[in-house]
Amino acid sequence: MFGAITSFGLVLFAQSAHPSEEFKKYCAKCHGEDGKAQTQRGKSLDAQDLIDAEFQSSESDAALIDRPISVRV
């Protein structure tokens, strides 16, 4: 378990930018800084509420971080 956590941490920091910076740059425009998708743009695009419990249980953090950005508005 410790090895998996350590490996995950190394992968995160090996990226060019920290995931939170990527979120702010690409995702917060629609999902908002809080991830609730209540921004004007998020509402108009029917963006996913990222803090919804059902959504969070369906995706791992690693999958979300690695997910390609499919909509850049």
N, C-alpha and C. Protein backbone atom coordinates (compact mmCIF):
# COMPACT_ATOMS: atom_id res chain seq x y z
N MET A 1 0.83 -1.19 0.00
CA MET A 1 0.00 0.00 0.00
C MET A 1 0.87 1.26 0.00
N PHE A 2 1.90 1.26 0.87
CA PHE A 2 2.78 2.42 0.94
C PHE A 2 3.45 2.66 -0.41
N GLY A 3 3.85 1.59 -1.09
CA GLY A 3 4.50 1.72 -2.39
C GLY A 3 3.59 2.36 -3.42
N ALA A 4 2.32 1.98 -3.39
CA ALA A 4 1.36 2.56 -4.33
C ALA A 4 1.17 4.04 -4.08
N ILE A 5 1.07 4.42 -2.81
CA ILE A 5 0.90 5.83 -2.47
C ILE A 5 2.14 6.62 -2.86
N THR A 6 3.30 6.07 -2.58
CA THR A 6 4.56 6.74 -2.92
C THR A 6 4.68 6.89 -4.43
N SER A 7 4.36 5.83 -5.17
CA SER A 7 4.43 5.89 -6.63
C SER A 7 3.48 6.94 -7.18
N PHE A 8 2.28 6.99 -6.63
CA PHE A 8 1.29 7.97 -7.08
C PHE A 8 1.81 9.38 -6.83
N GLY A 9 2.40 9.61 -5.66
CA GLY A 9 2.97 10.92 -5.34
C GLY A 9 4.08 11.30 -6.29
N LEU A 10 4.93 10.34 -6.63
CA LEU A 10 6.02 10.63 -7.56
C LEU A 10 5.49 10.98 -8.95
N VAL A 11 4.46 10.28 -9.37
CA VAL A 11 3.86 10.59 -10.68
C VAL A 11 3.28 11.99 -10.67
N LEU A 12 2.60 12.36 -9.59
CA LEU A 12 2.02 13.70 -9.51
C LEU A 12 3.09 14.78 -9.64
N PHE A 13 4.18 14.62 -8.92
CA PHE A 13 5.21 15.65 -8.92
C PHE A 13 6.12 15.58 -10.13
N ALA A 14 6.04 14.51 -10.89
CA ALA A 14 6.85 14.39 -12.10
C ALA A 14 6.18 15.14 -13.27
N GLN A 15 4.91 15.45 -13.11
CA GLN A 15 4.20 16.17 -14.16
C GLN A 15 4.75 17.59 -14.25
N SER A 16 4.52 18.21 -15.40
CA SER A 16 5.03 19.56 -15.61
C SER A 16 4.38 20.58 -14.68
N ALA A 17 3.12 20.40 -14.36
CA ALA A 17 2.42 21.31 -13.45
C ALA A 17 1.63 20.48 -12.45
N HIS A 18 1.47 21.00 -11.25
CA HIS A 18 0.70 20.30 -10.24
C HIS A 18 -0.76 20.24 -10.69
N PRO A 19 -1.45 19.13 -10.43
CA PRO A 19 -2.84 19.01 -10.89
C PRO A 19 -3.75 20.15 -10.46
N SER A 20 -3.53 20.73 -9.29
CA SER A 20 -4.39 21.84 -8.88
C SER A 20 -4.21 23.05 -9.78
N GLU A 21 -3.00 23.25 -10.26
CA GLU A 21 -2.76 24.36 -11.20
C GLU A 21 -3.43 24.07 -12.54
N GLU A 22 -3.37 22.81 -12.97
CA GLU A 22 -4.05 22.42 -14.21
C GLU A 22 -5.56 22.61 -14.06
N PHE A 23 -6.10 22.26 -12.90
CA PHE A 23 -7.53 22.43 -12.65
C PHE A 23 -7.91 23.90 -12.75
N LYS A 24 -7.14 24.74 -12.10
CA LYS A 24 -7.44 26.18 -12.14
C LYS A 24 -7.37 26.72 -13.57
N LYS A 25 -6.40 26.23 -14.32
CA LYS A 25 -6.19 26.73 -15.68
C LYS A 25 -7.27 26.25 -16.66
N TYR A 26 -7.63 24.97 -16.57
CA TYR A 26 -8.51 24.40 -17.59
C TYR A 26 -9.92 24.07 -17.10
N CYS A 27 -10.08 23.69 -15.87
CA CYS A 27 -11.36 23.14 -15.40
C CYS A 27 -12.24 24.14 -14.66
N ALA A 28 -11.61 25.02 -13.88
CA ALA A 28 -12.38 25.93 -13.03
C ALA A 28 -13.27 26.88 -13.83
N LYS A 29 -12.94 27.10 -15.08
CA LYS A 29 -13.77 27.99 -15.90
C LYS A 29 -15.21 27.49 -15.96
N CYS A 30 -15.38 26.18 -16.01
CA CYS A 30 -16.73 25.60 -16.07
C CYS A 30 -17.14 24.99 -14.73
N HIS A 31 -16.23 24.28 -14.08
CA HIS A 31 -16.56 23.57 -12.85
C HIS A 31 -16.46 24.46 -11.62
N GLY A 32 -15.86 25.65 -11.75
CA GLY A 32 -15.69 26.55 -10.62
C GLY A 32 -14.55 26.10 -9.73
N GLU A 33 -14.03 27.02 -8.92
CA GLU A 33 -12.93 26.69 -8.01
C GLU A 33 -13.33 25.61 -7.02
N ASP A 34 -14.64 25.53 -6.71
CA ASP A 34 -15.11 24.53 -5.74
C ASP A 34 -15.53 23.21 -6.39
N GLY A 35 -15.55 23.15 -7.72
CA GLY A 35 -15.87 21.92 -8.43
C GLY A 35 -17.35 21.63 -8.57
N LYS A 36 -18.21 22.55 -8.13
CA LYS A 36 -19.66 22.30 -8.15
C LYS A 36 -20.33 22.59 -9.49
N ALA A 37 -19.61 23.17 -10.43
CA ALA A 37 -20.13 23.47 -11.77
C ALA A 37 -21.28 24.46 -11.74
N GLN A 38 -21.23 25.40 -10.82
CA GLN A 38 -22.30 26.39 -10.72
C GLN A 38 -21.92 27.72 -11.36
N THR A 39 -20.87 27.73 -12.16
CA THR A 39 -20.52 28.95 -12.89
C THR A 39 -21.50 29.13 -14.03
N GLN A 40 -21.55 30.32 -14.58
CA GLN A 40 -22.44 30.58 -15.70
C GLN A 40 -22.11 29.64 -16.87
N ARG A 41 -20.82 29.51 -17.15
CA ARG A 41 -20.39 28.64 -18.25
C ARG A 41 -20.70 27.18 -17.93
N GLY A 42 -20.46 26.77 -16.69
CA GLY A 42 -20.73 25.39 -16.29
C GLY A 42 -22.20 25.03 -16.41
N LYS A 43 -23.05 25.96 -16.01
CA LYS A 43 -24.49 25.72 -16.13
C LYS A 43 -24.91 25.62 -17.59
N SER A 44 -24.38 26.48 -18.43
CA SER A 44 -24.78 26.46 -19.84
C SER A 44 -24.28 25.21 -20.57
N LEU A 45 -23.18 24.64 -20.10
CA LEU A 45 -22.64 23.43 -20.73
C LEU A 45 -23.05 22.15 -20.00
N ASP A 46 -23.86 22.29 -18.93
CA ASP A 46 -24.27 21.16 -18.11
C ASP A 46 -23.04 20.38 -17.63
N ALA A 47 -22.07 21.13 -17.09
CA ALA A 47 -20.83 20.53 -16.61
C ALA A 47 -21.08 19.65 -15.39
N GLN A 48 -20.25 18.63 -15.24
CA GLN A 48 -20.36 17.68 -14.12
C GLN A 48 -20.00 18.34 -12.80
N ASP A 49 -20.81 18.12 -11.78
CA ASP A 49 -20.50 18.53 -10.41
C ASP A 49 -19.46 17.54 -9.90
N LEU A 50 -18.22 18.01 -9.75
CA LEU A 50 -17.12 17.12 -9.41
C LEU A 50 -17.10 16.70 -7.95
N ILE A 51 -17.91 17.33 -7.11
CA ILE A 51 -17.93 16.92 -5.71
C ILE A 51 -19.17 16.07 -5.39
N ASP A 52 -19.93 15.74 -6.41
CA ASP A 52 -21.07 14.85 -6.25
C ASP A 52 -20.57 13.48 -5.80
N ALA A 53 -21.15 12.95 -4.72
CA ALA A 53 -20.68 11.68 -4.13
C ALA A 53 -20.74 10.52 -5.13
N GLU A 54 -21.80 10.45 -5.91
CA GLU A 54 -21.93 9.36 -6.89
C GLU A 54 -20.83 9.46 -7.95
N PHE A 55 -20.59 10.67 -8.43
CA PHE A 55 -19.52 10.86 -9.42
C PHE A 55 -18.16 10.49 -8.83
N GLN A 56 -17.88 10.96 -7.62
CA GLN A 56 -16.59 10.68 -7.00
C GLN A 56 -16.36 9.20 -6.78
N SER A 57 -17.41 8.46 -6.45
CA SER A 57 -17.24 7.03 -6.22
C SER A 57 -17.04 6.26 -7.53
N SER A 58 -17.38 6.89 -8.66
CA SER A 58 -17.24 6.21 -9.94
C SER A 58 -15.88 6.45 -10.60
N GLU A 59 -15.09 7.37 -10.07
CA GLU A 59 -13.80 7.72 -10.67
C GLU A 59 -12.71 7.75 -9.60
N SER A 60 -11.54 7.23 -9.92
CA SER A 60 -10.41 7.35 -9.00
C SER A 60 -9.74 8.71 -9.22
N ASP A 61 -9.05 9.18 -8.19
CA ASP A 61 -8.33 10.45 -8.33
C ASP A 61 -7.32 10.36 -9.47
N ALA A 62 -6.63 9.24 -9.57
CA ALA A 62 -5.63 9.06 -10.62
C ALA A 62 -6.26 9.16 -12.00
N ALA A 63 -7.43 8.57 -12.16
CA ALA A 63 -8.12 8.62 -13.46
C ALA A 63 -8.52 10.04 -13.81
N LEU A 64 -8.98 10.78 -12.82
CA LEU A 64 -9.37 12.17 -13.07
C LEU A 64 -8.17 13.03 -13.44
N ILE A 65 -7.06 12.81 -12.76
CA ILE A 65 -5.86 13.60 -13.04
C ILE A 65 -5.34 13.28 -14.44
N ASP A 66 -5.41 12.01 -14.82
CA ASP A 66 -4.89 11.58 -16.11
C ASP A 66 -5.87 11.78 -17.27
N ARG A 67 -7.10 12.10 -16.93
CA ARG A 67 -8.13 12.25 -17.98
C ARG A 67 -7.76 13.40 -18.91
N PRO A 68 -7.79 13.14 -20.20
CA PRO A 68 -7.51 14.25 -21.14
C PRO A 68 -8.60 15.31 -21.04
N ILE A 69 -8.20 16.51 -21.26
CA ILE A 69 -9.16 17.62 -21.23
C ILE A 69 -9.89 17.61 -22.58
N SER A 70 -11.15 17.21 -22.56
CA SER A 70 -11.88 17.05 -23.81
C SER A 70 -12.58 18.32 -24.25
N VAL A 71 -12.88 19.20 -23.31
CA VAL A 71 -13.58 20.44 -23.65
C VAL A 71 -12.76 21.60 -23.12
N ARG A 72 -12.19 22.35 -24.01
CA ARG A 72 -11.47 23.57 -23.62
C ARG A 72 -12.22 24.75 -24.16
N VAL A 73 -12.88 25.42 -23.28
CA VAL A 73 -13.73 26.53 -23.69
C VAL A 73 -13.00 27.85 -23.45
